[in-house]
Amino acid sequence: MKISPAVVSLLASALPLAAVEPCRLEVVERGSGWPVPLVELRTTHGVRFVTDNAGVIACDLPELMGREVWFDVIGHGYEREKDGFGYRGVRLTPEPGQTRKVEVKRTIIAKRIGRLTGGGLFAESQKTGRELDWRESGIVGCDSVQNAVYRGKLFWVWGDTTLAKYPLGIFNCSGATTPVQPFKTFEPPLRPDFAYFCDAAHQPRGVATLTGQGPKWLTACVTLPDKGGQPHLVASYTKIENFLDVYEWGLCAWNDATSNFEPLRTLWKKGDAAKPPPAPEGHPVFWKDAQGREWVLFGNPLPRLRCPATFEAWQDSATWEVLKPQEKLDVAGGGKPITPHTGSIAWNVFRQRWVTVFMEKFGKPSAFGELWYAEASAPTGPWGPAVKILTHANYTFYNPRLHPEFTPPESPVLLFEGTYTAEFADHAAPTPRHNYNQFLYRLDLDDPALAPAQKR
């Protein structure tokens, strides 16, 4: 009996479809061949794919397999050339189980090494059968970092932390430790291995469980010796209400027995005065003056306060000295001076200078996503001229933190991280997985592109 084509079509439509094996898309930097995280490929019908820490995308759309597909390429400093109509992208034909490579050109000075925090650092690779031994922490996002070397380890503290299990996560600072030099290489893919402080159920927990309502944030985290030579891990704390309003400032110290920051002294409460008095805030650095006295300087980015580098002096506000930071920096090559907003400084042995990476206040094209590099002969300046090293297309990258402890003292490599977030941008669509997390970047201080910052 002959079966009509209509019957054949009907029978075929009733059969179950097999799962589509992804096509592995690898995005690499032209020239170096390094994988590039945080590059988005977007289809003409609005599907967004974003590379993981290995620069990989698992393209698994059944409707695209075996067809020529145009992908827009959006990379925050990594791009494709424009075609005749002004589009930046690439044509590919995804095939199940196969690999396609996409080369992008780096247009920024800083090199993106990878995402440090959050979930799915290798999720796309895992869909293609790679990186299957990668362990997830349960944390999917976290705010800016504070670091200090304490008892032979690098101590990490993050702000508000997002968990997978519920929209309300950790609002009293998550924390972890790593070796002081946590990475053997500064080329992608980046594989951060944090030993998180966890609760009895082995889930990450808060490490600043101070009394009071609302989030608890830590700043100015530093290790200071007491008069007997014992180290103390300390910080300033703030208690928050109404999203960003501070209602209490104080000093706290780490308790080794409880693995928690505990209050030492209240500096200010809402209602005491119109605004809090000057206090340790931002990222600390140590500095020895011409008389050989050692100070700890606090700034964000440039120093605003200093005190003798001891546990006792840090607790005594009578020893604190308020500093006036430089308000604007000149731009290398000319142009309107820029206002630094957040960032950090460090002494650099390779340059024999103080260096800073900071976010510009109300920059362009992103109001809080433009980062600059500058140098000075002293931590108090004068700083500049500044060179732009990183830009974002309508996205925020705030609170950059230098990591001089990651590298040997005389290395020309300078590492910094910052918070990648849609907050404070102009109705930006949050980048899946990557939003509200920390990204690590690399500067090569012998790069000729930085020479204009090294003339003073």
Protein backbone atom coordinates (compact mmCIF):
# COMPACT_ATOMS: atom_id res chain seq x y z
CA MET A 1 0.00 0.00 0.00
CA LYS A 2 1.34 3.38 -0.97
CA ILE A 3 1.44 5.97 1.84
CA SER A 4 0.71 9.53 0.86
CA PRO A 5 3.22 12.33 1.59
CA ALA A 6 0.68 13.93 3.92
CA VAL A 7 0.60 10.78 6.06
CA VAL A 8 4.40 10.57 6.10
CA SER A 9 4.58 14.18 7.27
CA LEU A 10 2.01 13.53 9.98
CA LEU A 11 3.88 10.47 11.26
CA ALA A 12 7.18 12.34 11.28
CA SER A 13 5.73 15.18 13.31
CA ALA A 14 4.56 12.70 15.93
CA LEU A 15 8.06 11.30 16.50
CA PRO A 16 10.05 12.73 19.48
CA LEU A 17 12.83 15.14 18.57
CA ALA A 18 16.37 14.36 19.70
CA ALA A 19 18.14 16.91 21.89
CA VAL A 20 20.29 19.34 19.93
CA GLU A 21 24.01 18.94 20.63
CA PRO A 22 25.47 22.45 20.99
CA CYS A 23 27.89 24.01 18.58
CA ARG A 24 30.91 25.30 20.49
CA LEU A 25 31.71 28.93 19.67
CA GLU A 26 35.13 30.11 20.85
CA VAL A 27 35.80 33.85 21.03
CA VAL A 28 39.51 34.70 21.03
CA GLU A 29 41.59 37.86 20.89
CA ARG A 30 43.21 38.52 17.55
CA GLY A 31 46.97 38.23 17.81
CA SER A 32 47.30 36.62 21.25
CA GLY A 33 44.70 33.90 20.77
CA TRP A 34 43.56 34.41 24.38
CA PRO A 35 39.97 33.45 25.12
CA VAL A 36 37.82 36.50 25.84
CA PRO A 37 35.15 36.36 28.57
CA LEU A 38 32.12 38.65 28.57
CA VAL A 39 31.64 38.92 24.82
CA GLU A 40 28.03 38.84 23.71
CA LEU A 41 26.83 37.32 20.44
CA ARG A 42 23.28 38.36 19.60
CA THR A 43 21.12 36.88 16.83
CA THR A 44 18.83 38.80 14.51
CA HIS A 45 15.84 37.51 16.52
CA GLY A 46 17.18 38.79 19.83
CA VAL A 47 18.73 35.70 21.42
CA ARG A 48 21.74 36.66 23.57
CA PHE A 49 24.75 34.42 24.19
CA VAL A 50 27.66 35.53 26.43
CA THR A 51 31.08 33.89 26.64
CA ASP A 52 32.17 32.26 29.90
CA ASN A 53 35.64 32.44 31.48
CA ALA A 54 37.00 30.18 28.73
CA GLY A 55 35.62 32.45 26.02
CA VAL A 56 33.08 29.79 25.09
CA ILE A 57 29.43 29.88 24.02
CA ALA A 58 27.29 26.76 23.62
CA CYS A 59 24.99 27.62 20.71
CA ASP A 60 22.06 25.24 21.05
CA LEU A 61 19.21 26.85 19.11
CA PRO A 62 17.49 24.19 16.97
CA GLU A 63 16.23 26.79 14.50
CA LEU A 64 19.79 27.94 13.69
CA MET A 65 21.60 24.65 13.23
CA GLY A 66 22.92 24.15 9.73
CA ARG A 67 21.95 27.68 8.70
CA GLU A 68 24.08 30.72 8.04
CA VAL A 69 23.57 33.01 11.04
CA TRP A 70 24.52 36.61 11.66
CA PHE A 71 25.66 37.41 15.22
CA ASP A 72 26.14 40.97 16.46
CA VAL A 73 29.31 41.14 18.57
CA ILE A 74 29.23 43.33 21.71
CA GLY A 75 32.36 43.17 23.83
CA HIS A 76 33.09 46.25 26.03
CA GLY A 77 36.49 46.87 24.45
CA TYR A 78 36.60 43.82 22.17
CA GLU A 79 34.98 44.20 18.75
CA ARG A 80 34.67 43.25 15.11
CA GLU A 81 35.14 45.67 12.22
CA LYS A 82 32.06 47.39 10.85
CA ASP A 83 30.59 46.05 7.62
CA GLY A 84 29.22 48.26 4.83
CA PHE A 85 26.02 48.92 6.78
CA GLY A 86 27.77 49.74 10.04
CA TYR A 87 27.10 46.41 11.78
CA ARG A 88 29.81 44.81 13.90
CA GLY A 89 29.43 41.07 13.82
CA VAL A 90 30.17 37.75 12.19
CA ARG A 91 28.45 35.15 10.00
CA LEU A 92 28.67 31.55 11.16
CA THR A 93 26.96 28.27 10.35
CA PRO A 94 26.50 26.39 13.64
CA GLU A 95 26.59 22.61 13.37
CA PRO A 96 25.88 20.21 16.26
CA GLY A 97 29.07 19.03 17.99
CA GLN A 98 31.37 21.22 15.92
CA THR A 99 33.52 24.23 16.87
CA ARG A 100 33.55 27.67 15.31
CA LYS A 101 36.06 30.42 16.21
CA VAL A 102 35.38 34.13 16.34
CA GLU A 103 38.31 36.56 16.44
CA VAL A 104 37.82 39.95 18.09
CA LYS A 105 40.12 42.95 18.23
CA ARG A 106 40.97 44.45 21.62
CA THR A 107 40.48 48.23 21.55
CA ILE A 108 41.21 48.90 25.23
CA ILE A 109 44.57 48.93 27.01
CA ALA A 110 43.48 46.70 29.88
CA LYS A 111 43.16 42.98 29.15
CA ARG A 112 40.11 41.16 30.47
CA ILE A 113 41.26 38.04 32.32
CA GLY A 114 37.92 36.78 33.61
CA ARG A 115 35.14 36.83 36.14
CA LEU A 116 36.14 36.25 39.76
CA THR A 117 32.77 35.75 41.44
CA GLY A 118 29.27 34.42 40.82
CA GLY A 119 27.82 31.30 39.25
CA GLY A 120 28.42 29.59 35.95
CA LEU A 121 31.99 30.74 35.37
CA PHE A 122 32.33 27.78 32.98
CA ALA A 123 28.66 27.07 32.30
CA GLU A 124 28.93 27.37 28.52
CA SER A 125 32.01 25.14 28.40
CA GLN A 126 30.23 22.55 30.54
CA LYS A 127 27.38 22.38 28.04
CA THR A 128 29.95 21.25 25.47
CA GLY A 129 31.50 18.61 27.77
CA ARG A 130 34.45 20.62 29.08
CA GLU A 131 35.35 21.92 32.58
CA LEU A 132 33.09 19.33 34.17
CA ASP A 133 35.10 19.28 37.41
CA TRP A 134 34.38 22.97 38.13
CA ARG A 135 32.65 23.37 41.53
CA GLU A 136 29.87 25.89 42.11
CA SER A 137 29.68 27.85 45.38
CA GLY A 138 25.97 28.71 45.37
CA ILE A 139 26.83 32.42 45.08
CA VAL A 140 25.63 34.02 41.85
CA GLY A 141 26.58 37.66 42.42
CA CYS A 142 28.37 39.95 44.86
CA ASP A 143 29.26 43.59 45.32
CA SER A 144 32.66 45.22 45.66
CA VAL A 145 35.65 43.64 47.36
CA GLN A 146 37.86 44.47 50.34
CA ASN A 147 41.18 42.63 50.80
CA ALA A 148 43.86 42.27 53.44
CA VAL A 149 46.69 39.83 54.04
CA TYR A 150 46.05 38.23 57.43
CA ARG A 151 47.94 35.37 59.08
CA GLY A 152 49.55 34.26 55.85
CA LYS A 153 46.38 34.26 53.73
CA LEU A 154 44.62 36.77 51.52
CA PHE A 155 41.32 37.68 53.14
CA TRP A 156 38.38 38.64 50.87
CA VAL A 157 35.21 40.46 51.94
CA TRP A 158 32.38 41.28 49.52
CA GLY A 159 29.32 43.46 49.97
CA ASP A 160 25.73 42.42 49.30
CA THR A 161 25.78 38.89 47.90
CA THR A 162 23.18 37.23 45.68
CA LEU A 163 22.29 33.56 46.17
CA ALA A 164 20.60 31.18 43.77
CA LYS A 165 17.99 29.95 46.26
CA TYR A 166 16.09 33.22 46.86
CA PRO A 167 16.16 36.91 45.78
CA LEU A 168 17.27 37.95 49.28
CA GLY A 169 20.85 36.77 49.77
CA ILE A 170 23.63 37.76 52.17
CA PHE A 171 23.46 41.38 53.31
CA ASN A 172 26.13 41.29 56.00
CA CYS A 173 29.17 40.62 53.81
CA SER A 174 30.30 37.28 52.48
CA GLY A 175 33.95 36.32 52.93
CA ALA A 176 36.63 33.88 51.87
CA THR A 177 40.36 33.20 51.95
CA THR A 178 42.92 32.23 49.32
CA PRO A 179 46.70 32.04 49.15
CA VAL A 180 48.25 35.52 49.01
CA GLN A 181 49.09 34.86 45.36
CA PRO A 182 45.98 32.94 44.28
CA PHE A 183 46.78 32.53 40.57
CA LYS A 184 49.70 30.83 38.85
CA THR A 185 49.06 32.60 35.57
CA PHE A 186 47.49 35.87 34.50
CA GLU A 187 46.17 34.62 31.21
CA PRO A 188 42.59 33.42 30.70
CA PRO A 189 40.80 31.21 31.50
CA LEU A 190 40.63 32.41 35.12
CA ARG A 191 39.85 29.77 37.76
CA PRO A 192 39.37 31.44 41.17
CA ASP A 193 39.27 29.00 44.08
CA PHE A 194 37.78 30.68 47.14
CA ALA A 195 37.50 29.01 50.55
CA TYR A 196 34.23 30.64 51.61
CA PHE A 197 33.17 31.06 55.22
CA CYS A 198 30.14 28.76 55.47
CA ASP A 199 27.38 27.86 57.90
CA ALA A 200 26.59 24.44 59.40
CA ALA A 201 24.94 23.43 56.13
CA HIS A 202 28.17 24.27 54.24
CA GLN A 203 26.55 27.26 52.53
CA PRO A 204 28.30 30.68 52.27
CA ARG A 205 27.29 32.96 55.15
CA GLY A 206 27.72 36.51 56.35
CA VAL A 207 30.89 37.51 58.22
CA ALA A 208 29.68 40.86 59.57
CA THR A 209 26.64 39.79 61.57
CA LEU A 210 26.36 43.03 63.52
CA THR A 211 23.19 43.93 65.39
CA GLY A 212 20.62 46.19 63.77
CA GLN A 213 18.33 46.22 60.78
CA GLY A 214 19.38 46.45 57.14
CA PRO A 215 22.57 45.62 55.25
CA LYS A 216 25.98 45.83 56.94
CA TRP A 217 28.87 46.97 54.74
CA LEU A 218 32.60 46.91 55.50
CA THR A 219 35.27 49.24 54.17
CA ALA A 220 38.95 50.09 54.91
CA CYS A 221 39.80 46.46 55.66
CA VAL A 222 43.42 46.20 56.86
CA THR A 223 45.72 44.20 59.13
CA LEU A 224 47.49 46.21 61.83
CA PRO A 225 49.90 45.12 64.60
CA ASP A 226 49.26 45.93 68.25
CA LYS A 227 52.00 47.10 70.63
CA GLY A 228 52.83 43.47 71.33
CA GLY A 229 53.27 42.68 67.63
CA GLN A 230 50.07 40.64 67.24
CA PRO A 231 48.15 41.24 63.98
CA HIS A 232 44.53 42.38 64.00
CA LEU A 233 42.24 42.29 60.97
CA VAL A 234 40.06 45.40 61.23
CA ALA A 235 37.57 47.42 59.21
CA SER A 236 35.08 50.25 59.35
CA TYR A 237 31.43 49.26 59.19
CA THR A 238 28.28 51.01 58.08
CA LYS A 239 24.67 50.04 58.72
CA ILE A 240 22.29 50.83 55.87
CA GLU A 241 18.63 51.70 55.46
CA ASN A 242 16.48 52.89 52.55
CA PHE A 243 18.79 51.31 49.96
CA LEU A 244 21.83 53.59 50.38
CA ASP A 245 21.33 55.68 53.55
CA VAL A 246 23.86 55.14 56.36
CA TYR A 247 22.44 55.24 59.88
CA GLU A 248 25.55 54.11 61.81
CA TRP A 249 29.34 54.20 61.36
CA GLY A 250 31.78 52.25 63.53
CA LEU A 251 34.96 50.22 63.86
CA CYS A 252 35.07 46.44 64.02
CA ALA A 253 37.67 43.66 64.27
CA TRP A 254 37.84 40.04 63.17
CA ASN A 255 37.35 37.40 65.86
CA ASP A 256 39.31 34.25 65.01
CA ALA A 257 37.19 32.16 67.38
CA THR A 258 33.85 33.07 65.80
CA SER A 259 35.10 33.86 62.27
CA ASN A 260 33.09 37.08 62.36
CA PHE A 261 33.70 40.81 62.49
CA GLU A 262 32.63 42.19 65.86
CA PRO A 263 32.07 45.85 66.83
CA LEU A 264 34.75 47.74 68.76
CA ARG A 265 33.57 51.33 68.70
CA THR A 266 30.63 53.35 67.40
CA LEU A 267 31.75 56.52 65.61
CA TRP A 268 28.41 58.02 64.62
CA LYS A 269 24.68 57.30 64.67
CA LYS A 270 21.92 58.97 62.73
CA GLY A 271 20.72 61.89 64.81
CA ASP A 272 24.07 62.49 66.53
CA ALA A 273 25.11 65.12 63.98
CA ALA A 274 24.21 66.25 60.51
CA LYS A 275 26.80 63.92 58.94
CA PRO A 276 29.41 61.38 60.07
CA PRO A 277 32.89 62.64 61.01
CA PRO A 278 35.90 61.61 58.89
CA ALA A 279 36.71 57.91 59.35
CA PRO A 280 38.81 55.18 57.72
CA GLU A 281 37.14 54.44 54.40
CA GLY A 282 38.06 52.94 51.04
CA HIS A 283 41.23 50.94 50.33
CA PRO A 284 44.25 51.24 52.67
CA VAL A 285 47.94 51.42 51.76
CA PHE A 286 51.03 51.60 53.94
CA TRP A 287 53.51 54.45 53.57
CA LYS A 288 56.67 55.45 55.40
CA ASP A 289 57.45 59.18 55.59
CA ALA A 290 60.86 60.88 55.39
CA GLN A 291 61.26 60.54 59.17
CA GLY A 292 60.73 56.78 59.00
CA ARG A 293 57.26 56.83 60.57
CA GLU A 294 54.87 54.27 59.11
CA TRP A 295 51.33 55.33 58.27
CA VAL A 296 48.26 53.66 56.89
CA LEU A 297 46.45 55.82 54.33
CA PHE A 298 42.77 55.38 53.44
CA GLY A 299 41.27 56.56 50.17
CA ASN A 300 38.83 55.86 47.37
CA PRO A 301 40.77 56.35 45.20
CA LEU A 302 43.17 58.98 46.57
CA PRO A 303 44.06 59.25 50.27
CA ARG A 304 41.58 61.16 52.44
CA LEU A 305 42.75 60.13 55.92
CA ARG A 306 45.83 58.68 57.60
CA CYS A 307 46.84 57.36 61.00
CA PRO A 308 49.92 55.67 62.47
CA ALA A 309 49.99 52.05 61.29
CA THR A 310 49.15 50.42 64.63
CA PHE A 311 46.05 48.78 66.07
CA GLU A 312 45.98 51.24 68.95
CA ALA A 313 46.25 54.36 66.76
CA TRP A 314 43.58 53.08 64.38
CA GLN A 315 41.13 52.95 67.31
CA ASP A 316 42.02 56.46 68.53
CA SER A 317 40.45 59.14 66.33
CA ALA A 318 42.73 61.73 67.95
CA THR A 319 45.58 60.23 65.88
CA TRP A 320 43.70 60.50 62.58
CA GLU A 321 44.73 63.18 60.12
CA VAL A 322 42.39 64.33 57.37
CA LEU A 323 44.00 64.73 53.94
CA LYS A 324 42.75 66.74 50.97
CA PRO A 325 42.93 64.63 47.81
CA GLN A 326 43.50 66.01 44.35
CA GLU A 327 40.11 66.90 42.88
CA LYS A 328 40.88 66.56 39.16
CA LEU A 329 43.52 64.92 37.00
CA ASP A 330 44.82 66.14 33.66
CA VAL A 331 44.29 63.88 30.66
CA ALA A 332 47.30 62.69 28.69
CA GLY A 333 47.25 64.38 25.32
CA GLY A 334 45.03 67.20 26.49
CA GLY A 335 41.32 67.54 26.97
CA LYS A 336 39.06 68.40 29.86
CA PRO A 337 40.41 67.33 33.29
CA ILE A 338 38.59 64.39 34.85
CA THR A 339 37.22 63.80 38.34
CA PRO A 340 38.14 60.51 40.04
CA HIS A 341 35.26 58.82 41.83
CA THR A 342 36.27 55.37 43.16
CA GLY A 343 39.44 53.28 42.96
CA SER A 344 42.68 52.48 44.76
CA ILE A 345 46.40 53.19 44.75
CA ALA A 346 49.56 51.12 45.33
CA TRP A 347 53.32 51.44 45.28
CA ASN A 348 54.73 49.76 42.18
CA VAL A 349 58.31 48.45 42.27
CA PHE A 350 58.57 48.04 38.50
CA ARG A 351 57.65 51.68 37.89
CA GLN A 352 59.22 52.98 41.11
CA ARG A 353 56.13 55.14 41.36
CA TRP A 354 52.75 55.15 43.01
CA VAL A 355 50.07 53.99 40.60
CA THR A 356 46.29 54.24 40.59
CA VAL A 357 43.36 52.81 38.67
CA PHE A 358 40.16 54.76 39.18
CA MET A 359 36.67 55.22 37.82
CA GLU A 360 35.82 58.59 36.35
CA LYS A 361 32.82 60.48 37.74
CA PHE A 362 30.24 61.11 35.00
CA GLY A 363 32.42 59.80 32.20
CA LYS A 364 31.51 59.04 28.59
CA PRO A 365 30.18 56.87 27.04
CA SER A 366 29.29 55.34 30.44
CA ALA A 367 28.69 57.65 33.39
CA PHE A 368 30.33 55.21 35.83
CA GLY A 369 32.11 52.78 33.52
CA GLU A 370 35.24 54.63 32.35
CA LEU A 371 38.52 53.65 34.03
CA TRP A 372 41.85 55.48 34.00
CA TYR A 373 45.46 54.88 34.99
CA ALA A 374 47.83 57.48 36.49
CA GLU A 375 51.08 57.73 38.45
CA ALA A 376 52.65 59.91 41.15
CA SER A 377 55.94 60.15 43.04
CA ALA A 378 54.08 60.30 46.37
CA PRO A 379 50.76 58.80 47.50
CA THR A 380 49.36 62.27 48.07
CA GLY A 381 50.23 63.34 44.51
CA PRO A 382 50.31 65.25 42.33
CA TRP A 383 48.74 62.58 40.09
CA GLY A 384 48.58 62.47 36.31
CA PRO A 385 48.42 62.80 33.43
CA ALA A 386 45.83 60.02 33.18
CA VAL A 387 45.32 57.49 30.37
CA LYS A 388 41.99 55.75 29.78
CA ILE A 389 42.43 51.98 30.02
CA LEU A 390 38.88 50.59 30.04
CA THR A 391 35.50 51.69 28.70
CA HIS A 392 31.96 50.33 28.75
CA ALA A 393 28.96 50.80 26.49
CA ASN A 394 26.26 51.97 28.92
CA TYR A 395 27.37 49.81 31.83
CA THR A 396 28.89 50.45 35.25
CA PHE A 397 32.28 49.25 36.51
CA TYR A 398 32.84 50.75 39.95
CA ASN A 399 35.15 50.42 42.97
CA PRO A 400 38.25 49.14 41.11
CA ARG A 401 40.73 47.51 43.50
CA LEU A 402 44.42 47.05 42.65
CA HIS A 403 46.00 43.68 43.48
CA PRO A 404 49.76 44.28 43.85
CA GLU A 405 49.95 41.22 46.13
CA PHE A 406 49.09 38.90 43.22
CA THR A 407 52.42 39.35 41.43
CA PRO A 408 56.12 39.27 42.33
CA PRO A 409 57.33 42.74 43.42
CA GLU A 410 59.27 43.59 40.24
CA SER A 411 56.66 42.28 37.79
CA PRO A 412 55.47 44.67 35.06
CA VAL A 413 52.00 43.09 35.36
CA LEU A 414 49.42 45.04 37.37
CA LEU A 415 46.07 43.40 38.19
CA PHE A 416 42.85 45.08 39.19
CA GLU A 417 39.23 44.09 39.63
CA GLY A 418 35.93 45.96 39.80
CA THR A 419 32.17 45.53 39.99
CA TYR A 420 30.40 44.98 36.66
CA THR A 421 26.76 46.00 37.09
CA ALA A 422 23.79 47.54 35.31
CA GLU A 423 23.19 49.73 38.38
CA PHE A 424 23.57 53.47 37.70
CA ALA A 425 23.60 52.93 33.92
CA ASP A 426 20.94 54.28 31.55
CA HIS A 427 18.33 51.49 31.54
CA ALA A 428 20.96 48.90 30.66
CA ALA A 429 19.79 45.30 30.21
CA PRO A 430 21.67 43.21 32.82
CA THR A 431 24.13 40.76 31.27
CA PRO A 432 22.99 37.22 32.17
CA ARG A 433 25.19 35.50 34.79
CA HIS A 434 27.83 38.23 34.70
CA ASN A 435 25.86 41.16 36.09
CA TYR A 436 26.70 42.31 39.63
CA ASN A 437 29.99 40.47 39.83
CA GLN A 438 33.72 41.09 39.97
CA PHE A 439 35.94 40.99 36.88
CA LEU A 440 39.74 40.86 36.86
CA TYR A 441 41.79 42.90 34.37
CA ARG A 442 45.49 43.09 33.58
CA LEU A 443 47.71 46.03 32.71
CA ASP A 444 51.19 45.52 31.28
CA LEU A 445 53.08 48.53 32.60
CA ASP A 446 55.66 48.26 29.81
CA ASP A 447 52.89 48.69 27.21
CA PRO A 448 53.76 51.74 25.04
CA ALA A 449 50.10 52.79 25.26
CA LEU A 450 50.72 53.71 28.92
CA ALA A 451 53.80 55.83 28.14
CA PRO A 452 51.84 59.13 28.20
CA ALA A 453 51.03 58.49 31.87
CA GLN A 454 54.70 57.99 32.69
CA LYS A 455 56.15 61.31 31.58
CA ARG A 456 55.85 63.32 34.80
